[in-house]
Amino acid sequence: MVLFLFLSYHTRLASDDFGVLLRGKERGIFQSVADYYSMSGGSRWFSKFIQLALLRLYPIGHFLFLYGTLTLGSLIVGVRMLMKELFKKHDIRLPASQIWSLSILFVSGFFFSTFDIPQTWFWF
């Protein structure tokens, strides 16, 4: 997780992100997302929606670090909730600290098993 936080701290916006932000200021969030979807037909429309919804936070220094930390934390909490329900369904009793540890370990393993870490984890 230290590596993720280090890389997240040094992440910067790419050139196409500035185009998305400009379009969001000119046309609004929903119309920009609709334009992006109709032009590219891509599946990244939801990430563009989140990017534009957080438009006002961009002046904050190291915003992408905060965004990365928030998304990583959300993933860990989601995995923890899934593990807790699976353990409860199979009648496995573990302390909460062990479930948190297993969740962090799972997400860390998932992070290091991806083929292209920058494209998978830091492509905003």
Protein backbone atom coordinates (compact mmCIF):
# COMPACT_ATOMS: atom_id res chain seq x y z
CA MET A 1 0.00 0.00 0.00
CA VAL A 2 2.97 2.29 0.56
CA LEU A 3 3.87 1.95 -3.13
CA PHE A 4 0.33 2.82 -4.16
CA LEU A 5 0.31 5.92 -1.94
CA PHE A 6 3.73 7.00 -3.24
CA LEU A 7 2.66 6.60 -6.88
CA SER A 8 -0.66 8.26 -6.19
CA TYR A 9 1.10 11.26 -4.65
CA HIS A 10 3.15 11.79 -7.82
CA THR A 11 0.31 11.24 -10.31
CA ARG A 12 -0.54 14.15 -12.59
CA LEU A 13 -3.32 14.78 -15.08
CA ALA A 14 -2.73 13.74 -18.68
CA SER A 15 -3.40 16.00 -21.65
CA ASP A 16 -6.78 14.44 -22.49
CA ASP A 17 -7.96 15.06 -18.91
CA PHE A 18 -7.59 18.80 -19.42
CA GLY A 19 -9.83 18.56 -22.50
CA VAL A 20 -12.47 16.75 -20.47
CA LEU A 21 -12.26 19.39 -17.74
CA LEU A 22 -12.58 22.23 -20.24
CA ARG A 23 -15.60 20.59 -21.86
CA GLY A 24 -17.12 20.14 -18.40
CA LYS A 25 -16.76 23.83 -17.62
CA GLU A 26 -18.23 24.83 -20.98
CA ARG A 27 -21.09 22.35 -21.33
CA GLY A 28 -21.81 21.10 -17.81
CA ILE A 29 -21.34 17.71 -16.23
CA PHE A 30 -24.23 15.74 -17.71
CA GLN A 31 -23.96 17.09 -21.26
CA SER A 32 -20.19 16.48 -21.25
CA VAL A 33 -20.67 12.87 -20.16
CA ALA A 34 -23.35 12.41 -22.81
CA ASP A 35 -21.03 13.91 -25.44
CA TYR A 36 -18.17 11.65 -24.37
CA TYR A 37 -20.39 8.57 -24.50
CA SER A 38 -21.85 9.41 -27.91
CA MET A 39 -18.45 10.26 -29.44
CA SER A 40 -16.46 7.32 -28.13
CA GLY A 41 -19.09 4.79 -27.17
CA GLY A 42 -16.62 3.86 -24.48
CA SER A 43 -17.26 2.32 -21.14
CA ARG A 44 -15.35 5.04 -19.28
CA TRP A 45 -18.36 7.35 -19.11
CA PHE A 46 -18.79 6.77 -15.38
CA SER A 47 -15.18 7.69 -14.63
CA LYS A 48 -15.67 10.86 -16.69
CA PHE A 49 -18.79 11.60 -14.65
CA ILE A 50 -16.84 11.24 -11.39
CA GLN A 51 -14.00 13.32 -12.82
CA LEU A 52 -16.38 16.12 -13.76
CA ALA A 53 -18.38 15.87 -10.54
CA LEU A 54 -15.19 16.54 -8.60
CA LEU A 55 -14.25 19.45 -10.85
CA ARG A 56 -14.32 22.03 -8.05
CA LEU A 57 -11.73 20.08 -6.06
CA TYR A 58 -8.99 20.32 -8.69
CA PRO A 59 -7.43 23.51 -7.28
CA ILE A 60 -6.59 21.58 -4.11
CA GLY A 61 -2.93 20.59 -4.16
CA HIS A 62 -2.38 16.89 -4.83
CA PHE A 63 -6.04 16.27 -5.53
CA LEU A 64 -5.24 13.03 -7.33
CA PHE A 65 -3.53 11.73 -4.19
CA LEU A 66 -6.73 12.37 -2.24
CA TYR A 67 -8.78 10.76 -5.01
CA GLY A 68 -6.49 7.71 -5.15
CA THR A 69 -6.54 7.31 -1.39
CA LEU A 70 -10.33 7.58 -1.35
CA THR A 71 -10.79 5.00 -4.10
CA LEU A 72 -8.26 2.62 -2.54
CA GLY A 73 -9.97 2.96 0.83
CA SER A 74 -13.34 2.31 -0.80
CA LEU A 75 -12.01 -0.82 -2.46
CA ILE A 76 -10.58 -2.11 0.82
CA VAL A 77 -13.86 -1.42 2.65
CA GLY A 78 -15.81 -3.14 -0.13
CA VAL A 79 -13.58 -6.22 -0.02
CA ARG A 80 -13.88 -6.26 3.77
CA MET A 81 -17.68 -6.18 3.57
CA LEU A 82 -17.65 -9.00 1.02
CA MET A 83 -15.30 -11.12 3.13
CA LYS A 84 -17.33 -10.49 6.27
CA GLU A 85 -20.50 -11.69 4.54
CA LEU A 86 -18.76 -14.73 3.05
CA PHE A 87 -17.31 -15.70 6.41
CA LYS A 88 -20.69 -15.26 8.06
CA LYS A 89 -22.39 -17.39 5.39
CA HIS A 90 -19.86 -20.19 5.84
CA ASP A 91 -19.93 -19.86 9.65
CA ILE A 92 -16.27 -18.81 9.95
CA ARG A 93 -15.59 -16.62 12.95
CA LEU A 94 -12.66 -14.21 12.70
CA PRO A 95 -11.87 -11.07 14.67
CA ALA A 96 -12.48 -7.78 12.86
CA SER A 97 -8.75 -7.02 12.81
CA GLN A 98 -8.06 -10.22 10.86
CA ILE A 99 -10.78 -9.45 8.35
CA TRP A 100 -9.27 -5.97 7.82
CA SER A 101 -5.83 -7.54 7.42
CA LEU A 102 -7.11 -10.08 4.90
CA SER A 103 -8.86 -7.32 2.96
CA ILE A 104 -5.71 -5.22 2.76
CA LEU A 105 -3.68 -8.28 1.81
CA PHE A 106 -6.15 -9.19 -0.94
CA VAL A 107 -6.15 -5.67 -2.40
CA SER A 108 -2.35 -5.54 -2.21
CA GLY A 109 -2.09 -8.86 -4.03
CA PHE A 110 -4.56 -7.62 -6.61
CA PHE A 111 -2.48 -4.45 -7.07
CA PHE A 112 0.76 -6.33 -7.67
CA SER A 113 -0.85 -8.97 -9.92
CA THR A 114 -2.06 -6.46 -12.51
CA PHE A 115 -0.08 -6.38 -15.73
CA ASP A 116 0.11 -2.63 -16.22
CA ILE A 117 -0.15 -0.85 -12.86
CA PRO A 118 -0.16 2.75 -14.19
CA GLN A 119 -2.89 2.07 -16.76
CA THR A 120 -5.00 0.00 -14.37
CA TRP A 121 -4.74 1.92 -11.13
CA PHE A 122 -3.83 5.49 -12.04
CA TRP A 123 -5.65 6.17 -15.29
CA PHE A 124 -8.08 8.85 -14.23
